[in-house]
Each structure stands twice: as structure tokens, then as C-alpha cells.
Amino acid sequence: MPLSKGQIDISKSDARFKVAVCGRRFGKTYLAMRELAKHASKPNTNIFYVAPTYRQAKQVMWDTLTNKLSSLNWVKNINKSDLRIDLVNGSTISLRGANNFDSMRGISLDYVCMDEFSYTNSKAWTEVLRPTLSDRLGSALFITTPAGQGNWSFDLFNRGQETNNDWDSFQFTTLDGGNVTESEVADARKDLDERTFRQEYEASFETFAGQIYYGFDVKRHVKEYDGDLDKITAINLFCDFNVNPMSAVVLIETEYGLHAIDEIVIYGSNTHELAEEVRNRYQTQKVTAYPDPASTQRKTSAQGRTDYSILQNAGFNMKVRRKHPAVRDRINAVNSVLAPIDGDAKLLISPKCKTLINCLIKQEYKEGTQVPDKDSGYDHLNDALGYGIEFIYPIRTQVEPLTNAQLSGWESRTF
């Protein structure tokens, strides 16, 4: 089974878990068939090929795989009703649908291939298939076209981009596969909107329609702070007060604006513990806190002290508005520093702030509204970030003063 260069790169990776995000007609399913055969060539291995549905697994893989293995004289028995192929070396390959993932519990596997996994429930992997690989130290291949930055495929892809010997990830366009001509791709661009084209043919993780912080881009905004952290003498603390979780973002001022260097997320906590954690991490620095305006009234201590006074007594310099800014103003302020119209971003985020990055990517509006979804759990760090950003970089409506002539005109009007 010959492979293209991109397919070879994926196949040769020694990572236990491989994630391949590719454009349409790259040859993902052909690669999957080749990898299934490669792993099945080892005696007594148990292998699953998992598509989004059982029907898709049968339509996409069954006939092609059975014909190929039969031509190699590898097949001992074919069970069409169960979509299982028994090989002469004692190995088995079974085709399954992720839509009925509970039926795959209690099985030990050596290898799993999840095809178009971005269109499956993530629990099929995390709750069922991942445990099936544990006793045999099995491996997995994930292949798909992308389904946006809010999809769990984006998380797995980014995991493969980290320094981790167990995970590796790849991204290839349709043209990289060598199965589609340039002229055909050019014609497809004419038929599709730009966002859909980038996703389907260029394997780009696009932002989804309801994303609140549309100005955020991982490639643009996630950067290591290149200064000396040991020489930092002052930090800014943006806070949102919740028991589950108590949330804060730690930022430093730079020549371009702000750089988030740390995040604090503590479940079942209180403001005392937050202040203590900040002091434990940053013992010598001056701390300026920009809390939720409700902190001036909200009381979480047994002594009835406000969140504001607790932070103030911890030695923090306090900056807070008298009342809450409008939610829209807070969101617009964050987007404006991420993607200002007339310049470079005023906010960068360290890769260390994984929860904040995830929240910026995934929090969305409730369907059909401009109301932020607070049920997903992505709101707390975003709210913390917004309180500080809105204070430092407020959104102000620019109003031109009325001329004397205009004033006269208004004065002479009758209603």
C-alpha cells in the first residue's frame, strides 16, 4: 500500500498517540486502512476501527479492507454481521460506531483508529476507548477534517504539538495528499465561503460562529514571556470571585501592553486562600488587584469582611470600579486589546495559562442570543480577565461636541 509523503510522515512517527488533521480527500481513510493492516500483521492483536456511526464504518471501510486483506491471503474468517475480520495470525480487526460507544466497554485493545473523530462524542475516547488500551499499552490514530477551535479535536491536536513523547500531531491540506488537482481546489474555493474552504481544504481550525472572544488567535497571542521573570517587581491580578472556582489571572506590564504569565484556579476556595496563594507564588512583588466590582459588597469570610478588604489587608493595591461595567463593554474591551484595528495586540498570554487559553477559545453566546453561556464553565477566567482589561483599556464612545449652530437648531425645535 504506497503512501504519499504526508501519509509517510504520520505513519513513521513513533508516538503512541497520533493526531492527523487533514483536508478533504487527503487520503485519511486510505492511511487508516494501511495502519490497521500494519498493526494487524503482529500476531494476536485486537484492533478497532471506529467511525462516527456504525453505518459509516461499514460504508467507508468494510469492503475495501476485506478485499485488500483477502488479496493478501491474511483472512481466516469474515463475520459480516459483526463487521469483524479474523486473520490467520490470530489478530482481529473490528469496525464500530462511536454513536454507540458504551457497547465497546470491557474490551482489551492493542490499537484503535478513530476516523473523523471530531464528529464523535469525546466520551467515546475518554470514557471508553482510552481505558481499553491500558492493560496492553495499546496505541491510537486519530484522523479527521477539523471542526473548529471549540471542538475536542483542537485539544488533541494541540496536545500533539507539545513536547510529549506519547503524542504527536500533523496538519496537511487537501493538496498535500496528492489526490486532488490544484484546479479542482481552485474551483472549490469559488463555490465555498472562505471559512468553510479553509476548514475543509486547508485543514484550518476556524473559530465557530458563536465565539465570544473572536479576537483571540493561538498563533498570534500565545507567546512565552521573553523577559526575566526573576526580575519582575510588580504584578497585576485580575480576579473573579467564585467558590467553584476562585479564579485569577496574573499579568505584567510590558512595552506592548500586558502579558499574562500565570493563572490561579482553586476549587472550593475563598478569597483568603486566593490571597495566600498569590503571596506564595509572588512573595516580593508589588501586587495591584483589579477585582470584580462586587468585591466591595460580597462577604466570604467568617468575620464578615468583604473580598475587597481581604485583598487590601493582604497588602494588595486595589483598583476597582464603583459598579459593574456592561457585559458587552467588558467583552469588547478584551477583543479590542487582542485585535486592535490600528496596531499590534496589547495582550499576550503564556502557554502556561492553559485554562485561560481554553476559555477564550471555547466560551460562546447562547444560541440565537448575545448572552454569554455561563453553564459550560468557561466564563470564570474570562470574567477575571475582562474586569482588569476594561479598567485599564476601557471602551469609550467618542462623541463629537455639538457646534453653536447645532445647539441653536435643537433649542428652536418643538416636540
Protein backbone atom coordinates (compact mmCIF):
# COMPACT_ATOMS: atom_id res chain seq x y z
CA MET A 1 0.00 0.00 0.00
CA PRO A 2 2.08 3.02 -1.18
CA LEU A 3 1.70 6.27 0.75
CA SER A 4 2.13 9.95 -0.03
CA LYS A 5 4.82 11.96 1.74
CA GLY A 6 2.36 13.33 4.29
CA GLN A 7 0.98 9.87 4.99
CA ILE A 8 4.53 8.55 5.41
CA ASP A 9 5.31 11.27 7.95
CA ILE A 10 2.30 10.25 10.00
CA SER A 11 3.00 6.54 9.70
CA LYS A 12 6.68 6.84 10.66
CA SER A 13 6.02 8.76 13.87
CA ASP A 14 6.96 6.71 16.94
CA ALA A 15 4.36 8.42 19.15
CA ARG A 16 1.89 6.19 20.91
CA PHE A 17 -0.99 8.53 20.07
CA LYS A 18 -1.02 10.27 16.68
CA VAL A 19 -3.44 13.01 15.59
CA ALA A 20 -3.79 13.79 11.87
CA VAL A 21 -5.91 16.79 10.87
CA CYS A 22 -6.21 16.90 7.09
CA GLY A 23 -8.20 18.45 4.28
CA ARG A 24 -10.83 16.61 2.27
CA ARG A 25 -9.56 13.81 0.00
CA PHE A 26 -6.10 13.91 1.55
CA GLY A 27 -6.26 10.13 1.88
CA LYS A 28 -7.09 9.82 5.56
CA THR A 29 -9.13 6.65 5.24
CA TYR A 30 -6.53 5.03 2.98
CA LEU A 31 -3.91 5.81 5.62
CA ALA A 32 -6.19 4.32 8.26
CA MET A 33 -6.55 1.08 6.29
CA ARG A 34 -2.79 0.84 5.86
CA GLU A 35 -2.21 1.41 9.59
CA LEU A 36 -4.85 -1.17 10.52
CA ALA A 37 -3.08 -3.72 8.34
CA LYS A 38 0.36 -2.80 9.73
CA HIS A 39 -0.73 -3.33 13.32
CA ALA A 40 -2.74 -6.46 12.46
CA SER A 41 0.39 -8.03 10.96
CA LYS A 42 1.56 -8.60 14.53
CA PRO A 43 0.11 -11.91 15.82
CA ASN A 44 -2.80 -11.93 18.27
CA THR A 45 -3.54 -8.20 18.24
CA ASN A 46 -7.03 -6.86 18.82
CA ILE A 47 -7.87 -3.77 16.74
CA PHE A 48 -10.84 -1.42 16.42
CA TYR A 49 -11.63 0.95 13.57
CA VAL A 50 -14.17 3.48 14.90
CA ALA A 51 -16.19 5.84 12.66
CA PRO A 52 -18.81 8.34 13.86
CA THR A 53 -21.57 5.76 13.20
CA TYR A 54 -21.71 2.02 12.61
CA ARG A 55 -23.17 2.62 9.16
CA GLN A 56 -20.32 4.96 8.23
CA ALA A 57 -17.77 2.40 9.39
CA LYS A 58 -19.35 -0.17 7.09
CA GLN A 59 -19.69 2.17 4.10
CA VAL A 60 -16.24 3.72 4.34
CA MET A 61 -14.01 0.82 5.32
CA TRP A 62 -15.61 -2.62 5.18
CA ASP A 63 -15.50 -3.64 1.51
CA THR A 64 -12.14 -2.01 0.81
CA LEU A 65 -10.48 -3.52 3.87
CA THR A 66 -11.87 -7.04 3.45
CA ASN A 67 -10.94 -7.11 -0.25
CA LYS A 68 -7.40 -5.93 0.45
CA LEU A 69 -6.75 -8.36 3.28
CA SER A 70 -8.27 -11.21 1.29
CA SER A 71 -5.97 -10.45 -1.65
CA LEU A 72 -3.01 -10.77 0.75
CA ASN A 73 -4.32 -14.17 1.95
CA TRP A 74 -4.42 -12.85 5.51
CA VAL A 75 -8.07 -13.66 6.19
CA LYS A 76 -9.21 -16.68 8.19
CA ASN A 77 -12.84 -15.70 8.72
CA ILE A 78 -15.16 -12.76 7.92
CA ASN A 79 -18.13 -12.03 10.17
CA LYS A 80 -20.21 -9.56 8.20
CA SER A 81 -22.98 -9.26 10.77
CA ASP A 82 -20.47 -8.12 13.42
CA LEU A 83 -18.11 -6.36 10.98
CA ARG A 84 -15.19 -8.42 12.29
CA ILE A 85 -12.27 -9.86 10.35
CA ASP A 86 -10.29 -12.74 11.88
CA LEU A 87 -6.80 -13.15 10.46
CA VAL A 88 -4.70 -16.30 10.10
CA ASN A 89 -2.14 -14.96 12.61
CA GLY A 90 -4.73 -14.71 15.39
CA SER A 91 -5.34 -10.96 15.05
CA THR A 92 -8.78 -9.41 14.67
CA ILE A 93 -10.00 -6.14 13.18
CA SER A 94 -13.48 -4.94 14.17
CA LEU A 95 -15.42 -1.97 12.79
CA ARG A 96 -17.52 0.03 15.24
CA GLY A 97 -19.59 3.21 15.50
CA ALA A 98 -18.81 5.86 18.12
CA ASN A 99 -22.51 6.73 18.41
CA ASN A 100 -22.95 3.56 20.49
CA PHE A 101 -19.69 3.83 22.42
CA ASP A 102 -20.97 2.17 25.61
CA SER A 103 -21.13 -1.13 23.71
CA MET A 104 -17.32 -1.08 23.47
CA ARG A 105 -16.75 -1.15 27.23
CA GLY A 106 -14.89 -4.04 28.86
CA ILE A 107 -12.70 -4.87 25.85
CA SER A 108 -8.90 -5.01 25.74
CA LEU A 109 -7.38 -3.48 22.62
CA ASP A 110 -3.92 -3.13 21.13
CA TYR A 111 -4.78 -0.46 18.58
CA VAL A 112 -7.61 1.96 17.82
CA CYS A 113 -8.16 4.13 14.77
CA MET A 114 -10.79 6.85 15.18
CA ASP A 115 -11.82 8.16 11.76
CA GLU A 116 -13.42 11.66 11.57
CA PHE A 117 -13.17 11.72 15.34
CA SER A 118 -14.02 15.43 15.56
CA TYR A 119 -17.58 14.44 14.67
CA THR A 120 -17.87 11.99 17.55
CA ASN A 121 -18.59 12.43 21.24
CA SER A 122 -15.31 12.93 23.11
CA LYS A 123 -16.55 10.49 25.77
CA ALA A 124 -16.17 7.67 23.25
CA TRP A 125 -12.43 8.19 23.69
CA THR A 126 -12.03 9.45 27.24
CA GLU A 127 -14.51 7.14 28.97
CA VAL A 128 -14.43 4.02 26.83
CA LEU A 129 -11.67 3.58 24.25
CA ARG A 130 -8.77 5.06 26.20
CA PRO A 131 -9.23 2.57 29.08
CA THR A 132 -9.37 -0.36 26.62
CA LEU A 133 -5.73 0.33 25.71
CA SER A 134 -4.34 0.48 29.23
CA ASP A 135 -3.66 -3.17 30.09
CA ARG A 136 -1.94 -3.82 26.75
CA LEU A 137 -0.32 -0.39 26.45
CA GLY A 138 -2.09 -0.03 23.14
CA SER A 139 -1.81 2.91 20.72
CA ALA A 140 -4.20 5.03 18.68
CA LEU A 141 -4.51 7.04 15.48
CA PHE A 142 -6.96 9.94 15.29
CA ILE A 143 -7.78 11.25 11.81
CA THR A 144 -10.26 13.94 10.80
CA THR A 145 -11.05 17.12 8.99
CA PRO A 146 -11.16 19.91 11.59
CA ALA A 147 -14.41 21.07 13.13
CA GLY A 148 -13.43 24.40 14.67
CA GLN A 149 -11.45 25.57 17.67
CA GLY A 150 -14.28 24.71 20.03
CA ASN A 151 -14.11 21.02 19.14
CA TRP A 152 -12.21 18.44 21.17
CA SER A 153 -10.12 17.63 18.09
CA PHE A 154 -8.45 21.02 18.57
CA ASP A 155 -7.45 20.00 22.10
CA LEU A 156 -5.95 16.69 20.96
CA PHE A 157 -4.12 18.38 18.10
CA ASN A 158 -2.57 20.91 20.48
CA ARG A 159 -1.57 18.10 22.82
CA GLY A 160 0.43 16.59 19.98
CA GLN A 161 2.16 19.93 19.43
CA GLU A 162 3.52 19.95 22.97
CA THR A 163 6.79 18.34 23.98
CA ASN A 164 5.36 14.94 24.77
CA ASN A 165 6.80 11.66 23.51
CA ASP A 166 3.42 9.91 23.79
CA TRP A 167 1.61 12.35 21.48
CA ASP A 168 2.31 13.73 18.02
CA SER A 169 0.11 15.71 15.66
CA PHE A 170 0.09 16.59 11.97
CA GLN A 171 -1.76 19.04 9.74
CA PHE A 172 -1.98 18.64 5.96
CA THR A 173 -4.04 20.35 3.27
CA THR A 174 -6.01 18.62 0.54
CA LEU A 175 -3.24 19.37 -1.97
CA ASP A 176 -0.66 17.77 0.33
CA GLY A 177 -2.41 14.45 -0.22
CA GLY A 178 -1.73 14.47 -3.95
CA ASN A 179 -5.17 13.08 -4.80
CA VAL A 180 -6.82 16.33 -5.95
CA THR A 181 -5.57 18.75 -8.61
CA GLU A 182 -4.85 22.41 -7.99
CA SER A 183 -7.53 23.40 -10.49
CA GLU A 184 -10.15 21.39 -8.63
CA VAL A 185 -9.21 23.04 -5.34
CA ALA A 186 -9.36 26.44 -7.05
CA ASP A 187 -12.86 25.65 -8.30
CA ALA A 188 -13.92 24.57 -4.81
CA ARG A 189 -12.76 27.94 -3.44
CA LYS A 190 -15.20 29.65 -5.81
CA ASP A 191 -18.09 27.51 -4.57
CA LEU A 192 -17.47 27.87 -0.83
CA ASP A 193 -17.27 30.72 1.64
CA GLU A 194 -13.72 31.45 2.83
CA ARG A 195 -14.18 30.00 6.30
CA THR A 196 -15.59 26.70 5.01
CA PHE A 197 -12.88 26.46 2.36
CA ARG A 198 -10.11 26.95 4.90
CA GLN A 199 -11.60 24.31 7.15
CA GLU A 200 -12.41 21.67 4.56
CA TYR A 201 -9.50 22.06 2.13
CA GLU A 202 -6.73 23.73 4.13
CA ALA A 203 -7.39 21.81 7.37
CA SER A 204 -7.60 25.07 9.31
CA PHE A 205 -9.15 25.22 12.77
CA GLU A 206 -11.67 28.01 12.32
CA THR A 207 -13.39 29.96 15.04
CA PHE A 208 -17.03 28.98 15.48
CA ALA A 209 -19.87 31.38 14.88
CA GLY A 210 -20.85 31.99 18.50
CA GLN A 211 -17.35 32.53 19.86
CA ILE A 212 -17.30 35.49 22.24
CA TYR A 213 -13.60 36.33 22.11
CA TYR A 214 -13.26 36.26 18.33
CA GLY A 215 -10.14 38.44 18.55
CA PHE A 216 -8.15 35.62 20.15
CA ASP A 217 -5.82 33.58 17.96
CA VAL A 218 -3.50 30.96 19.43
CA LYS A 219 -0.73 31.55 16.91
CA ARG A 220 -0.83 35.31 17.40
CA HIS A 221 -1.41 35.67 21.12
CA VAL A 222 0.14 32.66 22.85
CA LYS A 223 3.79 33.56 23.46
CA GLU A 224 6.36 32.86 26.14
CA TYR A 225 7.37 35.95 28.06
CA ASP A 226 10.92 36.63 26.87
CA GLY A 227 11.97 38.71 29.88
CA ASP A 228 13.49 37.59 33.16
CA LEU A 229 10.67 36.54 35.47
CA ASP A 230 13.02 36.70 38.47
CA LYS A 231 13.44 40.43 37.93
CA ILE A 232 9.73 41.24 37.96
CA THR A 233 8.91 43.61 40.82
CA ALA A 234 5.20 44.20 40.21
CA ILE A 235 2.28 42.11 39.00
CA ASN A 236 -1.35 42.76 38.17
CA LEU A 237 -4.01 40.40 39.49
CA PHE A 238 -7.33 40.24 37.62
CA CYS A 239 -9.90 38.48 39.84
CA ASP A 240 -13.31 36.84 39.63
CA PHE A 241 -14.70 35.64 42.97
CA ASN A 242 -16.39 32.25 42.90
CA VAL A 243 -16.21 29.40 45.35
CA ASN A 244 -16.04 26.96 42.46
CA PRO A 245 -13.63 28.01 41.22
CA MET A 246 -11.89 31.05 42.66
CA SER A 247 -10.22 32.46 39.54
CA ALA A 248 -7.47 34.95 38.80
CA VAL A 249 -5.05 35.88 36.03
CA VAL A 250 -1.54 37.17 36.78
CA LEU A 251 -0.19 39.74 34.31
CA ILE A 252 2.82 42.01 33.98
CA GLU A 253 3.10 45.31 32.17
CA THR A 254 5.29 45.36 29.06
CA GLU A 255 6.26 47.78 26.34
CA TYR A 256 3.42 46.48 24.15
CA GLY A 257 0.77 46.27 26.87
CA LEU A 258 0.13 43.27 29.12
CA HIS A 259 1.43 39.71 29.24
CA ALA A 260 -0.47 37.04 31.18
CA ILE A 261 2.20 34.89 32.81
CA ASP A 262 0.14 32.76 35.19
CA GLU A 263 -3.35 31.70 36.19
CA ILE A 264 -4.84 30.66 39.52
CA VAL A 265 -7.87 28.36 39.65
CA ILE A 266 -8.82 26.99 43.08
CA TYR A 267 -11.97 24.93 43.65
CA GLY A 268 -13.92 25.07 46.91
CA SER A 269 -11.89 28.07 47.98
CA ASN A 270 -12.27 31.60 49.29
CA THR A 271 -10.61 34.99 49.00
CA HIS A 272 -8.25 34.35 51.93
CA GLU A 273 -6.83 31.31 50.14
CA LEU A 274 -6.53 33.21 46.88
CA ALA A 275 -4.51 35.95 48.58
CA GLU A 276 -2.33 33.35 50.29
CA GLU A 277 -1.68 31.54 47.00
CA VAL A 278 -0.69 34.79 45.30
CA ARG A 279 1.76 35.57 48.10
CA ASN A 280 3.18 32.05 47.99
CA ARG A 281 3.90 32.35 44.27
CA TYR A 282 4.97 36.00 44.23
CA GLN A 283 6.44 36.82 47.61
CA THR A 284 8.39 40.00 46.85
CA GLN A 285 6.37 41.64 44.10
CA LYS A 286 4.03 44.56 44.43
CA VAL A 287 0.51 43.32 43.64
CA THR A 288 -2.18 45.50 42.08
CA ALA A 289 -5.57 43.79 42.08
CA TYR A 290 -8.41 44.53 39.66
CA PRO A 291 -11.31 42.58 41.14
CA ASP A 292 -14.94 42.05 40.30
CA PRO A 293 -16.72 45.27 41.44
CA ALA A 294 -19.00 43.09 43.57
CA SER A 295 -15.97 42.53 45.83
CA THR A 296 -16.77 45.77 47.68
CA GLN A 297 -20.02 44.22 48.94
CA ARG A 298 -19.51 40.44 48.74
CA LYS A 299 -18.50 38.76 52.02
CA THR A 300 -16.92 35.30 52.12
CA SER A 301 -15.06 35.33 55.43
CA ALA A 302 -16.39 34.14 58.76
CA GLN A 303 -15.66 37.61 60.18
CA GLY A 304 -17.96 39.22 57.62
CA ARG A 305 -15.18 41.07 55.81
CA THR A 306 -15.61 41.89 52.14
CA ASP A 307 -13.48 40.36 49.40
CA TYR A 308 -12.14 43.84 48.73
CA SER A 309 -10.95 44.34 52.31
CA ILE A 310 -9.40 40.87 52.43
CA LEU A 311 -7.21 41.62 49.42
CA GLN A 312 -6.47 45.10 50.69
CA ASN A 313 -5.36 43.73 54.08
CA ALA A 314 -3.12 41.26 52.25
CA GLY A 315 -1.18 44.29 51.03
CA PHE A 316 -2.62 44.47 47.53
CA ASN A 317 -3.12 47.82 45.84
CA MET A 318 -6.79 47.86 44.85
CA LYS A 319 -8.29 49.25 41.63
CA VAL A 320 -11.97 48.63 41.13
CA ARG A 321 -14.94 50.35 39.54
CA ARG A 322 -17.83 51.53 41.67
CA LYS A 323 -20.27 49.47 39.63
CA HIS A 324 -20.11 46.67 37.09
CA PRO A 325 -19.33 47.70 33.52
CA ALA A 326 -21.79 46.44 30.94
CA VAL A 327 -21.00 42.84 29.94
CA ARG A 328 -20.76 43.92 26.32
CA ASP A 329 -18.24 46.64 27.21
CA ARG A 330 -16.10 44.13 29.09
CA ILE A 331 -16.14 41.69 26.17
CA ASN A 332 -15.45 44.43 23.63
CA ALA A 333 -12.54 45.70 25.72
CA VAL A 334 -10.89 42.25 25.66
CA ASN A 335 -11.43 41.84 21.92
CA SER A 336 -10.07 45.33 21.30
CA VAL A 337 -6.74 44.60 23.01
CA LEU A 338 -6.48 41.22 21.31
CA ALA A 339 -7.14 42.57 17.81
CA PRO A 340 -6.95 46.38 17.73
CA ILE A 341 -7.86 47.91 14.40
CA ASP A 342 -4.83 50.16 14.20
CA GLY A 343 -1.94 48.22 15.69
CA ASP A 344 -0.42 45.16 17.32
CA ALA A 345 -2.07 43.16 20.07
CA LYS A 346 -1.83 44.70 23.53
CA LEU A 347 -2.29 41.36 25.28
CA LEU A 348 -0.16 38.22 25.04
CA ILE A 349 -0.64 35.01 27.00
CA SER A 350 1.93 32.50 28.21
CA PRO A 351 1.40 28.85 27.17
CA LYS A 352 1.38 28.15 30.92
CA CYS A 353 -2.12 29.67 31.10
CA LYS A 354 -3.80 26.61 29.58
CA THR A 355 -7.17 27.10 31.24
CA LEU A 356 -7.41 30.74 30.18
CA ILE A 357 -6.48 29.84 26.60
CA ASN A 358 -9.14 27.13 26.56
CA CYS A 359 -11.74 29.52 27.97
CA LEU A 360 -11.00 32.24 25.40
CA ILE A 361 -11.34 29.72 22.59
CA LYS A 362 -14.46 27.95 23.78
CA GLN A 363 -16.80 30.34 25.55
CA GLU A 364 -19.69 31.20 23.28
CA TYR A 365 -23.00 33.01 23.31
CA LYS A 366 -26.18 31.10 23.99
CA GLU A 367 -27.66 30.10 20.67
CA GLY A 368 -29.51 32.94 18.98
CA THR A 369 -28.58 35.49 21.65
CA GLN A 370 -25.84 37.86 22.77
CA VAL A 371 -25.92 36.35 26.26
CA PRO A 372 -22.67 34.62 27.28
CA ASP A 373 -23.05 30.95 28.17
CA LYS A 374 -22.14 30.51 31.83
CA ASP A 375 -23.12 26.85 32.08
CA SER A 376 -20.04 25.50 30.32
CA GLY A 377 -17.55 26.65 32.98
CA TYR A 378 -15.51 28.70 30.52
CA ASP A 379 -16.63 32.05 31.92
CA HIS A 380 -14.71 32.48 35.19
CA LEU A 381 -11.19 33.24 33.94
CA ASN A 382 -12.64 35.23 31.05
CA ASP A 383 -14.60 37.36 33.51
CA ALA A 384 -11.48 37.83 35.65
CA LEU A 385 -9.52 38.93 32.59
CA GLY A 386 -12.31 41.26 31.50
CA TYR A 387 -12.55 43.17 34.77
CA GLY A 388 -8.90 44.19 34.58
CA ILE A 389 -8.79 44.82 30.84
CA GLU A 390 -11.89 47.01 30.94
CA PHE A 391 -10.42 49.06 33.79
CA ILE A 392 -7.09 49.64 32.03
CA TYR A 393 -8.35 49.80 28.44
CA PRO A 394 -11.99 50.94 28.73
CA ILE A 395 -14.25 51.18 25.73
CA ARG A 396 -15.24 54.82 25.34
CA THR A 397 -17.74 56.13 22.84
CA GLN A 398 -16.22 59.09 21.01
CA VAL A 399 -18.80 61.87 20.68
CA GLU A 400 -18.13 64.99 18.66
CA PRO A 401 -19.19 68.16 20.55
CA LEU A 402 -22.17 69.99 19.09
CA THR A 403 -21.48 73.28 17.34
CA ASN A 404 -23.25 76.50 18.33
CA ALA A 405 -25.35 76.26 15.18
CA GLN A 406 -26.41 72.72 16.09
CA LEU A 407 -27.25 73.82 19.62
CA SER A 408 -29.39 76.64 18.24
CA GLY A 409 -31.15 74.19 16.00
CA TRP A 410 -32.01 71.94 18.91
CA GLU A 411 -33.18 74.87 21.03
CA SER A 412 -35.57 76.06 18.31
CA ARG A 413 -37.17 72.63 17.83
CA THR A 414 -40.58 71.86 19.18
CA PHE A 415 -41.75 68.40 20.07
